Amino acid sequence: MYVFGIYLVFVGAGFLFMPNLVLPMFKMPKTEEPWIRVMAVLVLVIAALYLVAAYYNIPVIFWATVFTRFFVLLSFLGLVLAKKARPTLILFGIIDAIGAVWTLITLV
């Protein structure tokens, strides 16, 4: 959880402070729309929750993240299949799913 929280800090900070540098790395178009920074703030909030849960060892939160991180992958797959997002978005979903598997293995 701690490692994933740190990962989210980097992802969130990248999209908040330099989205047009990060987006092309994932073959996504540059944007001046506020949505990318709004998403970045949400990612940073989730990062903080993960870090607090790791610090205080809160297993119920760990379990919740297993399900929600698989949901992220399924949602991103759905967006790509519906042609509402570029296929590179699936990379973020795969990273989430790997984190979910790691957490699940640690919990059982």
N, C-alpha and C. Protein backbone atom coordinates (compact mmCIF):
# COMPACT_ATOMS: atom_id res chain seq x y z
N MET A 1 0.83 -1.19 0.00
CA MET A 1 0.00 0.00 0.00
C MET A 1 0.87 1.25 0.00
N TYR A 2 1.93 1.20 0.77
CA TYR A 2 2.82 2.36 0.83
C TYR A 2 3.46 2.61 -0.53
N VAL A 3 3.95 1.57 -1.17
CA VAL A 3 4.58 1.71 -2.49
C VAL A 3 3.58 2.24 -3.50
N PHE A 4 2.36 1.72 -3.48
CA PHE A 4 1.35 2.17 -4.42
C PHE A 4 0.96 3.62 -4.14
N GLY A 5 0.93 4.00 -2.86
CA GLY A 5 0.65 5.39 -2.51
C GLY A 5 1.71 6.33 -3.06
N ILE A 6 2.95 5.94 -2.98
CA ILE A 6 4.05 6.76 -3.52
C ILE A 6 3.91 6.85 -5.04
N TYR A 7 3.60 5.73 -5.70
CA TYR A 7 3.37 5.74 -7.14
C TYR A 7 2.29 6.75 -7.50
N LEU A 8 1.19 6.76 -6.74
CA LEU A 8 0.10 7.69 -7.01
C LEU A 8 0.51 9.15 -6.78
N VAL A 9 1.38 9.38 -5.81
CA VAL A 9 1.89 10.74 -5.60
C VAL A 9 2.61 11.22 -6.85
N PHE A 10 3.46 10.37 -7.41
CA PHE A 10 4.20 10.75 -8.61
C PHE A 10 3.27 10.95 -9.81
N VAL A 11 2.32 10.04 -9.99
CA VAL A 11 1.37 10.17 -11.10
C VAL A 11 0.54 11.45 -10.93
N GLY A 12 0.00 11.65 -9.74
CA GLY A 12 -0.82 12.83 -9.49
C GLY A 12 -0.05 14.12 -9.66
N ALA A 13 1.16 14.18 -9.11
CA ALA A 13 1.98 15.38 -9.23
C ALA A 13 2.35 15.65 -10.69
N GLY A 14 2.67 14.62 -11.42
CA GLY A 14 3.01 14.78 -12.83
C GLY A 14 1.86 15.38 -13.62
N PHE A 15 0.67 14.85 -13.43
CA PHE A 15 -0.49 15.35 -14.16
C PHE A 15 -0.95 16.72 -13.64
N LEU A 16 -0.67 17.02 -12.39
CA LEU A 16 -1.06 18.33 -11.85
C LEU A 16 -0.13 19.44 -12.32
N PHE A 17 1.17 19.21 -12.23
CA PHE A 17 2.14 20.27 -12.48
C PHE A 17 2.70 20.31 -13.90
N MET A 18 2.68 19.18 -14.60
CA MET A 18 3.24 19.18 -15.96
C MET A 18 2.50 18.17 -16.86
N PRO A 19 1.18 18.36 -16.98
CA PRO A 19 0.40 17.38 -17.74
C PRO A 19 0.82 17.26 -19.20
N ASN A 20 1.21 18.36 -19.80
CA ASN A 20 1.57 18.31 -21.22
C ASN A 20 2.95 17.72 -21.46
N LEU A 21 3.67 17.45 -20.42
CA LEU A 21 4.91 16.69 -20.53
C LEU A 21 4.62 15.20 -20.34
N VAL A 22 3.68 14.89 -19.44
CA VAL A 22 3.36 13.51 -19.12
C VAL A 22 2.43 12.87 -20.16
N LEU A 23 1.42 13.58 -20.60
CA LEU A 23 0.43 13.01 -21.51
C LEU A 23 1.05 12.41 -22.78
N PRO A 24 1.95 13.11 -23.47
CA PRO A 24 2.53 12.52 -24.68
C PRO A 24 3.34 11.24 -24.42
N MET A 25 3.84 11.08 -23.20
CA MET A 25 4.59 9.86 -22.88
C MET A 25 3.69 8.63 -22.97
N PHE A 26 2.38 8.84 -22.82
CA PHE A 26 1.40 7.76 -22.90
C PHE A 26 0.56 7.87 -24.17
N LYS A 27 1.11 8.57 -25.16
CA LYS A 27 0.46 8.75 -26.46
C LYS A 27 -0.93 9.37 -26.32
N MET A 28 -1.06 10.27 -25.37
CA MET A 28 -2.30 10.99 -25.17
C MET A 28 -2.07 12.44 -25.60
N PRO A 29 -3.12 13.08 -26.14
CA PRO A 29 -2.95 14.44 -26.63
C PRO A 29 -2.75 15.44 -25.49
N LYS A 30 -1.98 16.47 -25.78
CA LYS A 30 -1.81 17.56 -24.82
C LYS A 30 -3.15 18.26 -24.64
N THR A 31 -3.31 18.91 -23.50
CA THR A 31 -4.58 19.59 -23.24
C THR A 31 -4.38 20.81 -22.36
N GLU A 32 -5.25 21.76 -22.52
CA GLU A 32 -5.31 22.92 -21.62
C GLU A 32 -6.60 22.88 -20.82
N GLU A 33 -7.36 21.81 -21.01
CA GLU A 33 -8.61 21.64 -20.28
C GLU A 33 -8.31 21.39 -18.80
N PRO A 34 -9.18 21.83 -17.91
CA PRO A 34 -8.92 21.65 -16.47
C PRO A 34 -9.11 20.21 -15.99
N TRP A 35 -9.75 19.34 -16.79
CA TRP A 35 -10.06 17.99 -16.33
C TRP A 35 -8.83 17.22 -15.89
N ILE A 36 -7.72 17.42 -16.57
CA ILE A 36 -6.52 16.65 -16.23
C ILE A 36 -6.01 17.01 -14.84
N ARG A 37 -6.09 18.27 -14.50
CA ARG A 37 -5.63 18.70 -13.17
C ARG A 37 -6.64 18.33 -12.08
N VAL A 38 -7.91 18.32 -12.43
CA VAL A 38 -8.94 17.86 -11.49
C VAL A 38 -8.70 16.39 -11.17
N MET A 39 -8.44 15.60 -12.22
CA MET A 39 -8.13 14.18 -12.02
C MET A 39 -6.87 14.02 -11.17
N ALA A 40 -5.88 14.87 -11.41
CA ALA A 40 -4.62 14.79 -10.66
C ALA A 40 -4.85 15.04 -9.17
N VAL A 41 -5.71 16.00 -8.86
CA VAL A 41 -6.02 16.28 -7.45
C VAL A 41 -6.67 15.05 -6.82
N LEU A 42 -7.59 14.42 -7.54
CA LEU A 42 -8.24 13.21 -7.01
C LEU A 42 -7.23 12.08 -6.80
N VAL A 43 -6.30 11.93 -7.72
CA VAL A 43 -5.25 10.91 -7.57
C VAL A 43 -4.41 11.21 -6.33
N LEU A 44 -4.08 12.47 -6.11
CA LEU A 44 -3.29 12.84 -4.92
C LEU A 44 -4.07 12.59 -3.63
N VAL A 45 -5.37 12.82 -3.65
CA VAL A 45 -6.21 12.53 -2.48
C VAL A 45 -6.20 11.02 -2.20
N ILE A 46 -6.36 10.23 -3.25
CA ILE A 46 -6.32 8.77 -3.08
C ILE A 46 -4.95 8.33 -2.57
N ALA A 47 -3.90 8.95 -3.09
CA ALA A 47 -2.54 8.63 -2.61
C ALA A 47 -2.43 8.88 -1.12
N ALA A 48 -2.96 9.99 -0.66
CA ALA A 48 -2.90 10.31 0.77
C ALA A 48 -3.65 9.25 1.58
N LEU A 49 -4.80 8.81 1.10
CA LEU A 49 -5.56 7.78 1.81
C LEU A 49 -4.78 6.46 1.87
N TYR A 50 -4.13 6.09 0.77
CA TYR A 50 -3.34 4.88 0.74
C TYR A 50 -2.17 4.97 1.73
N LEU A 51 -1.52 6.11 1.76
CA LEU A 51 -0.37 6.28 2.65
C LEU A 51 -0.79 6.25 4.11
N VAL A 52 -1.93 6.86 4.44
CA VAL A 52 -2.43 6.83 5.81
C VAL A 52 -2.83 5.40 6.19
N ALA A 53 -3.51 4.70 5.27
CA ALA A 53 -3.91 3.31 5.54
C ALA A 53 -2.68 2.43 5.76
N ALA A 54 -1.63 2.65 4.97
CA ALA A 54 -0.40 1.87 5.15
C ALA A 54 0.26 2.19 6.48
N TYR A 55 0.34 3.47 6.80
CA TYR A 55 1.00 3.90 8.03
C TYR A 55 0.31 3.32 9.26
N TYR A 56 -1.04 3.35 9.26
CA TYR A 56 -1.80 2.88 10.42
C TYR A 56 -2.23 1.42 10.29
N ASN A 57 -1.80 0.75 9.21
CA ASN A 57 -2.11 -0.67 8.99
C ASN A 57 -3.61 -0.94 9.14
N ILE A 58 -4.39 -0.43 8.21
CA ILE A 58 -5.84 -0.56 8.23
C ILE A 58 -6.28 -1.58 7.18
N PRO A 59 -6.38 -2.86 7.58
CA PRO A 59 -6.68 -3.93 6.62
C PRO A 59 -7.98 -3.75 5.84
N VAL A 60 -9.01 -3.20 6.45
CA VAL A 60 -10.28 -3.04 5.73
C VAL A 60 -10.10 -2.13 4.51
N ILE A 61 -9.24 -1.14 4.62
CA ILE A 61 -8.95 -0.27 3.48
C ILE A 61 -8.14 -1.06 2.44
N PHE A 62 -7.22 -1.88 2.89
CA PHE A 62 -6.43 -2.70 1.96
C PHE A 62 -7.36 -3.57 1.11
N TRP A 63 -8.34 -4.21 1.78
CA TRP A 63 -9.28 -5.06 1.06
C TRP A 63 -10.10 -4.23 0.07
N ALA A 64 -10.55 -3.08 0.49
CA ALA A 64 -11.34 -2.22 -0.40
C ALA A 64 -10.54 -1.85 -1.65
N THR A 65 -9.25 -1.62 -1.49
CA THR A 65 -8.45 -1.23 -2.66
C THR A 65 -8.26 -2.37 -3.64
N VAL A 66 -8.30 -3.60 -3.15
CA VAL A 66 -8.18 -4.74 -4.06
C VAL A 66 -9.33 -4.69 -5.08
N PHE A 67 -10.54 -4.51 -4.57
CA PHE A 67 -11.71 -4.48 -5.46
C PHE A 67 -11.74 -3.23 -6.33
N THR A 68 -11.41 -2.10 -5.75
CA THR A 68 -11.48 -0.86 -6.53
C THR A 68 -10.40 -0.79 -7.60
N ARG A 69 -9.25 -1.37 -7.34
CA ARG A 69 -8.19 -1.34 -8.36
C ARG A 69 -8.50 -2.28 -9.52
N PHE A 70 -9.16 -3.39 -9.25
CA PHE A 70 -9.63 -4.23 -10.37
C PHE A 70 -10.72 -3.50 -11.15
N PHE A 71 -11.56 -2.76 -10.44
CA PHE A 71 -12.60 -1.95 -11.10
C PHE A 71 -11.99 -0.91 -12.03
N VAL A 72 -10.86 -0.34 -11.62
CA VAL A 72 -10.17 0.63 -12.47
C VAL A 72 -9.78 -0.02 -13.80
N LEU A 73 -9.19 -1.19 -13.74
CA LEU A 73 -8.79 -1.88 -14.97
C LEU A 73 -10.01 -2.16 -15.85
N LEU A 74 -11.07 -2.70 -15.27
CA LEU A 74 -12.27 -2.99 -16.04
C LEU A 74 -12.88 -1.73 -16.65
N SER A 75 -12.89 -0.65 -15.90
CA SER A 75 -13.42 0.62 -16.39
C SER A 75 -12.60 1.16 -17.53
N PHE A 76 -11.28 1.11 -17.40
CA PHE A 76 -10.41 1.61 -18.46
C PHE A 76 -10.55 0.75 -19.72
N LEU A 77 -10.67 -0.56 -19.54
CA LEU A 77 -10.91 -1.44 -20.68
C LEU A 77 -12.21 -1.07 -21.38
N GLY A 78 -13.24 -0.83 -20.59
CA GLY A 78 -14.54 -0.44 -21.15
C GLY A 78 -14.46 0.87 -21.92
N LEU A 79 -13.75 1.84 -21.36
CA LEU A 79 -13.60 3.13 -22.05
C LEU A 79 -12.86 2.97 -23.37
N VAL A 80 -11.86 2.14 -23.39
CA VAL A 80 -11.10 1.91 -24.63
C VAL A 80 -11.96 1.17 -25.64
N LEU A 81 -12.66 0.13 -25.20
CA LEU A 81 -13.51 -0.63 -26.12
C LEU A 81 -14.65 0.23 -26.68
N ALA A 82 -15.13 1.19 -25.90
CA ALA A 82 -16.18 2.10 -26.35
C ALA A 82 -15.62 3.26 -27.17
N LYS A 83 -14.31 3.23 -27.36
CA LYS A 83 -13.61 4.27 -28.12
C LYS A 83 -13.76 5.66 -27.49
N LYS A 84 -13.80 5.67 -26.16
CA LYS A 84 -13.86 6.92 -25.40
C LYS A 84 -12.50 7.28 -24.82
N ALA A 85 -11.52 6.39 -24.99
CA ALA A 85 -10.17 6.63 -24.49
C ALA A 85 -9.18 5.89 -25.37
N ARG A 86 -7.95 6.35 -25.32
CA ARG A 86 -6.88 5.71 -26.09
C ARG A 86 -6.42 4.43 -25.38
N PRO A 87 -5.97 3.44 -26.15
CA PRO A 87 -5.55 2.16 -25.57
C PRO A 87 -4.45 2.28 -24.51
N THR A 88 -3.63 3.31 -24.57
CA THR A 88 -2.57 3.44 -23.56
C THR A 88 -3.12 3.64 -22.16
N LEU A 89 -4.39 4.03 -22.04
CA LEU A 89 -5.00 4.17 -20.72
C LEU A 89 -5.00 2.83 -19.99
N ILE A 90 -5.04 1.75 -20.75
CA ILE A 90 -5.06 0.42 -20.14
C ILE A 90 -3.79 0.17 -19.32
N LEU A 91 -2.68 0.81 -19.70
CA LEU A 91 -1.44 0.65 -18.91
C LEU A 91 -1.66 1.03 -17.45
N PHE A 92 -2.37 2.13 -17.22
CA PHE A 92 -2.65 2.54 -15.84
C PHE A 92 -3.52 1.51 -15.14
N GLY A 93 -4.48 0.95 -15.86
CA GLY A 93 -5.33 -0.09 -15.29
C GLY A 93 -4.56 -1.35 -14.96
N ILE A 94 -3.60 -1.70 -15.80
CA ILE A 94 -2.78 -2.89 -15.54
C ILE A 94 -1.93 -2.67 -14.29
N ILE A 95 -1.37 -1.48 -14.16
CA ILE A 95 -0.58 -1.17 -12.95
C ILE A 95 -1.47 -1.28 -11.71
N ASP A 96 -2.69 -0.77 -11.81
CA ASP A 96 -3.63 -0.89 -10.69
C ASP A 96 -3.91 -2.35 -10.37
N ALA A 97 -4.16 -3.15 -11.40
CA ALA A 97 -4.46 -4.57 -11.18
C ALA A 97 -3.28 -5.32 -10.57
N ILE A 98 -2.07 -5.00 -11.02
CA ILE A 98 -0.88 -5.63 -10.42
C ILE A 98 -0.79 -5.27 -8.94
N GLY A 99 -1.05 -4.00 -8.63
CA GLY A 99 -1.05 -3.59 -7.23
C GLY A 99 -2.13 -4.31 -6.43
N ALA A 100 -3.28 -4.54 -7.06
CA ALA A 100 -4.37 -5.25 -6.38
C ALA A 100 -3.96 -6.70 -6.09
N VAL A 101 -3.33 -7.34 -7.06
CA VAL A 101 -2.87 -8.73 -6.86
C VAL A 101 -1.83 -8.77 -5.75
N TRP A 102 -0.89 -7.86 -5.76
CA TRP A 102 0.15 -7.80 -4.73
C TRP A 102 -0.49 -7.63 -3.35
N THR A 103 -1.45 -6.72 -3.26
CA THR A 103 -2.15 -6.50 -1.98
C THR A 103 -2.90 -7.75 -1.57
N LEU A 104 -3.60 -8.36 -2.50
CA LEU A 104 -4.37 -9.57 -2.19
C LEU A 104 -3.47 -10.69 -1.69
N ILE A 105 -2.35 -10.90 -2.35
CA ILE A 105 -1.40 -11.94 -1.93
C ILE A 105 -0.89 -11.65 -0.52
N THR A 106 -0.65 -10.39 -0.24
CA THR A 106 -0.16 -10.00 1.08
C THR A 106 -1.22 -10.22 2.16
N LEU A 107 -2.48 -10.02 1.79
CA LEU A 107 -3.56 -10.15 2.76
C LEU A 107 -3.93 -11.59 3.10
N VAL A 108 -3.74 -12.50 2.15
CA VAL A 108 -4.17 -13.88 2.41
C VAL A 108 -3.05 -14.77 2.89
